[in-house]
Amino acid sequence: QAQLVESGGGLVQPGGSLRLSCAAPGNIFRYYIMAWYRQAPGKERELVADITPSGRTNYKDPVKGRFTISRDNAKNTLYLQMDSLKPEDTAVYYCNFPNRRLAWGQGAQVIVSS
């Protein structure tokens, strides 16, 4: 069964950085847009950023200029570099294909706190 596996979360102080990774099924990875989502406590899951197979990116306003989404089609891996982290970035981060949704993975917990 196709799986998404997120990793790289942790506890970081405000202003710090983290890099998330997402391992995705190789048979479809290179053909579809991939995206990072996040779900903060008590809130709905929301889109953070997405990237086309050719590398064109799109970011939601709260993370523009601070987060960088990238992908390695040879490794079937999606990345999210998160810099200048804020407490409001605290959430569980998930990856998925917006146009070919798979079952959600376990997510990567990110806690931004001093």
C-alpha atoms as a PDB file:
ATOM      1  CA  GLN A   1       0.000   0.000   0.000  1.00  0.00           C
ATOM      2  CA  ALA A   2       1.329   3.411  -0.950  1.00  0.00           C
ATOM      3  CA  GLN A   3       2.707   5.264   2.044  1.00  0.00           C
ATOM      4  CA  LEU A   4       3.872   8.742   2.926  1.00  0.00           C
ATOM      5  CA  VAL A   5       6.501   8.978   5.646  1.00  0.00           C
ATOM      6  CA  GLU A   6       7.362  12.352   7.151  1.00  0.00           C
ATOM      7  CA  SER A   7      10.444  12.972   9.299  1.00  0.00           C
ATOM      8  CA  GLY A   8      12.589  15.743  10.721  1.00  0.00           C
ATOM      9  CA  GLY A   9      10.280  17.376  13.226  1.00  0.00           C
ATOM     10  CA  GLY A  10      11.290  18.473  16.696  1.00  0.00           C
ATOM     11  CA  LEU A  11      11.423  21.211  19.290  1.00  0.00           C
ATOM     12  CA  VAL A  12      13.069  24.470  18.251  1.00  0.00           C
ATOM     13  CA  GLN A  13      13.316  27.955  19.696  1.00  0.00           C
ATOM     14  CA  PRO A  14      11.707  30.925  17.930  1.00  0.00           C
ATOM     15  CA  GLY A  15      13.948  32.076  15.104  1.00  0.00           C
ATOM     16  CA  GLY A  16      15.387  28.624  14.633  1.00  0.00           C
ATOM     17  CA  SER A  17      15.303  26.263  11.660  1.00  0.00           C
ATOM     18  CA  LEU A  18      14.180  22.738  10.854  1.00  0.00           C
ATOM     19  CA  ARG A  19      14.182  20.645   7.710  1.00  0.00           C
ATOM     20  CA  LEU A  20      11.375  18.183   7.092  1.00  0.00           C
ATOM     21  CA  SER A  21      11.549  15.260   4.687  1.00  0.00           C
ATOM     22  CA  CYS A  22       8.807  13.166   3.112  1.00  0.00           C
ATOM     23  CA  ALA A  23       9.406   9.813   1.456  1.00  0.00           C
ATOM     24  CA  ALA A  24       6.727   9.099  -1.147  1.00  0.00           C
ATOM     25  CA  PRO A  25       5.854   6.197  -3.475  1.00  0.00           C
ATOM     26  CA  GLY A  26       8.251   6.127  -6.383  1.00  0.00           C
ATOM     27  CA  ASN A  27       5.756   5.001  -9.006  1.00  0.00           C
ATOM     28  CA  ILE A  28       3.846   8.304  -8.870  1.00  0.00           C
ATOM     29  CA  PHE A  29       6.143  10.833  -7.201  1.00  0.00           C
ATOM     30  CA  ARG A  30       7.660  12.380 -10.289  1.00  0.00           C
ATOM     31  CA  TYR A  31       4.352  12.869 -12.091  1.00  0.00           C
ATOM     32  CA  TYR A  32       2.336  14.877  -9.572  1.00  0.00           C
ATOM     33  CA  ILE A  33       2.331  18.119  -7.663  1.00  0.00           C
ATOM     34  CA  MET A  34       3.357  17.532  -4.052  1.00  0.00           C
ATOM     35  CA  ALA A  35       2.479  19.659  -1.067  1.00  0.00           C
ATOM     36  CA  TRP A  36       3.130  20.232   2.599  1.00  0.00           C
ATOM     37  CA  TYR A  37       0.194  20.726   4.937  1.00  0.00           C
ATOM     38  CA  ARG A  38       0.023  21.420   8.651  1.00  0.00           C
ATOM     39  CA  GLN A  39      -2.513  21.012  11.409  1.00  0.00           C
ATOM     40  CA  ALA A  40      -2.195  23.075  14.558  1.00  0.00           C
ATOM     41  CA  PRO A  41      -3.914  21.994  17.791  1.00  0.00           C
ATOM     42  CA  GLY A  42      -7.649  22.625  17.554  1.00  0.00           C
ATOM     43  CA  LYS A  43      -7.481  23.757  13.937  1.00  0.00           C
ATOM     44  CA  GLU A  44      -8.151  22.217  10.549  1.00  0.00           C
ATOM     45  CA  ARG A  45      -5.379  20.952   8.323  1.00  0.00           C
ATOM     46  CA  GLU A  46      -4.160  23.673   5.945  1.00  0.00           C
ATOM     47  CA  LEU A  47      -1.976  23.848   2.869  1.00  0.00           C
ATOM     48  CA  VAL A  48       1.465  25.371   3.470  1.00  0.00           C
ATOM     49  CA  ALA A  49       3.253  25.090   0.130  1.00  0.00           C
ATOM     50  CA  ASP A  50       3.268  23.031  -3.042  1.00  0.00           C
ATOM     51  CA  ILE A  51       5.655  22.221  -5.869  1.00  0.00           C
ATOM     52  CA  THR A  52       5.126  20.969  -9.407  1.00  0.00           C
ATOM     53  CA  PRO A  53       7.139  18.065 -10.856  1.00  0.00           C
ATOM     54  CA  SER A  54       9.312  20.612 -12.690  1.00  0.00           C
ATOM     55  CA  GLY A  55       9.976  22.592  -9.506  1.00  0.00           C
ATOM     56  CA  ARG A  56       7.597  25.537  -9.684  1.00  0.00           C
ATOM     57  CA  THR A  57       6.621  26.510  -6.146  1.00  0.00           C
ATOM     58  CA  ASN A  58       3.714  28.175  -4.379  1.00  0.00           C
ATOM     59  CA  TYR A  59       3.545  29.348  -0.768  1.00  0.00           C
ATOM     60  CA  LYS A  60       0.759  30.479   1.501  1.00  0.00           C
ATOM     61  CA  ASP A  61       1.208  33.959   2.934  1.00  0.00           C
ATOM     62  CA  PRO A  62       2.060  32.978   6.535  1.00  0.00           C
ATOM     63  CA  VAL A  63       5.223  31.143   5.419  1.00  0.00           C
ATOM     64  CA  LYS A  64       6.357  33.180   2.412  1.00  0.00           C
ATOM     65  CA  GLY A  65       9.982  34.197   2.676  1.00  0.00           C
ATOM     66  CA  ARG A  66      10.635  31.786   5.560  1.00  0.00           C
ATOM     67  CA  PHE A  67       9.884  28.306   4.206  1.00  0.00           C
ATOM     68  CA  THR A  68      11.355  26.642   1.121  1.00  0.00           C
ATOM     69  CA  ILE A  69       9.774  23.597  -0.502  1.00  0.00           C
ATOM     70  CA  SER A  70      11.876  21.385  -2.757  1.00  0.00           C
ATOM     71  CA  ARG A  71      11.837  17.906  -4.217  1.00  0.00           C
ATOM     72  CA  ASP A  72      14.287  15.287  -5.423  1.00  0.00           C
ATOM     73  CA  ASN A  73      12.550  13.224  -8.093  1.00  0.00           C
ATOM     74  CA  ALA A  74      15.426  10.738  -8.208  1.00  0.00           C
ATOM     75  CA  LYS A  75      15.011  10.015  -4.485  1.00  0.00           C
ATOM     76  CA  ASN A  76      11.207  10.292  -4.414  1.00  0.00           C
ATOM     77  CA  THR A  77      11.594  12.740  -1.548  1.00  0.00           C
ATOM     78  CA  LEU A  78       9.965  16.051  -0.709  1.00  0.00           C
ATOM     79  CA  TYR A  79      11.591  18.611   1.598  1.00  0.00           C
ATOM     80  CA  LEU A  80      10.524  21.639   3.589  1.00  0.00           C
ATOM     81  CA  GLN A  81      13.229  23.952   4.883  1.00  0.00           C
ATOM     82  CA  MET A  82      11.750  26.078   7.638  1.00  0.00           C
ATOM     83  CA  ASP A  83      13.669  29.158   8.789  1.00  0.00           C
ATOM     84  CA  SER A  84      12.816  32.011  11.148  1.00  0.00           C
ATOM     85  CA  LEU A  85      10.321  29.767  12.873  1.00  0.00           C
ATOM     86  CA  LYS A  86       7.581  31.331  14.979  1.00  0.00           C
ATOM     87  CA  PRO A  87       5.447  29.868  17.778  1.00  0.00           C
ATOM     88  CA  GLU A  88       2.462  29.975  15.409  1.00  0.00           C
ATOM     89  CA  ASP A  89       4.263  27.477  13.156  1.00  0.00           C
ATOM     90  CA  THR A  90       3.724  24.835  15.838  1.00  0.00           C
ATOM     91  CA  ALA A  91       1.767  22.020  14.206  1.00  0.00           C
ATOM     92  CA  VAL A  92       1.939  18.516  12.825  1.00  0.00           C
ATOM     93  CA  TYR A  93       3.244  18.716   9.269  1.00  0.00           C
ATOM     94  CA  TYR A  94       2.080  16.312   6.563  1.00  0.00           C
ATOM     95  CA  CYS A  95       2.908  15.748   2.909  1.00  0.00           C
ATOM     96  CA  ASN A  96       0.577  14.535   0.164  1.00  0.00           C
ATOM     97  CA  PHE A  97      -0.336  14.803  -3.490  1.00  0.00           C
ATOM     98  CA  PRO A  98      -3.085  17.445  -3.811  1.00  0.00           C
ATOM     99  CA  ASN A  99      -4.412  15.950  -7.052  1.00  0.00           C
ATOM    100  CA  ARG A 100      -3.996  12.277  -6.153  1.00  0.00           C
ATOM    101  CA  ARG A 101      -4.578  12.156  -2.431  1.00  0.00           C
ATOM    102  CA  LEU A 102      -3.097   9.179  -0.573  1.00  0.00           C
ATOM    103  CA  ALA A 103      -3.745   8.100   2.986  1.00  0.00           C
ATOM    104  CA  TRP A 104      -2.179  10.591   5.369  1.00  0.00           C
ATOM    105  CA  GLY A 105       1.064   9.610   7.054  1.00  0.00           C
ATOM    106  CA  GLN A 106       1.836   9.992  10.717  1.00  0.00           C
ATOM    107  CA  GLY A 107       3.138  13.516  10.220  1.00  0.00           C
ATOM    108  CA  ALA A 108       6.110  15.338  11.719  1.00  0.00           C
ATOM    109  CA  GLN A 109       5.528  17.225  14.958  1.00  0.00           C
ATOM    110  CA  VAL A 110       7.053  20.713  15.006  1.00  0.00           C
ATOM    111  CA  ILE A 111       7.053  22.668  18.255  1.00  0.00           C
ATOM    112  CA  VAL A 112       8.364  26.220  18.295  1.00  0.00           C
ATOM    113  CA  SER A 113       8.814  27.383  21.850  1.00  0.00           C
ATOM    114  CA  SER A 114      11.329  29.055  24.120  1.00  0.00           C
END
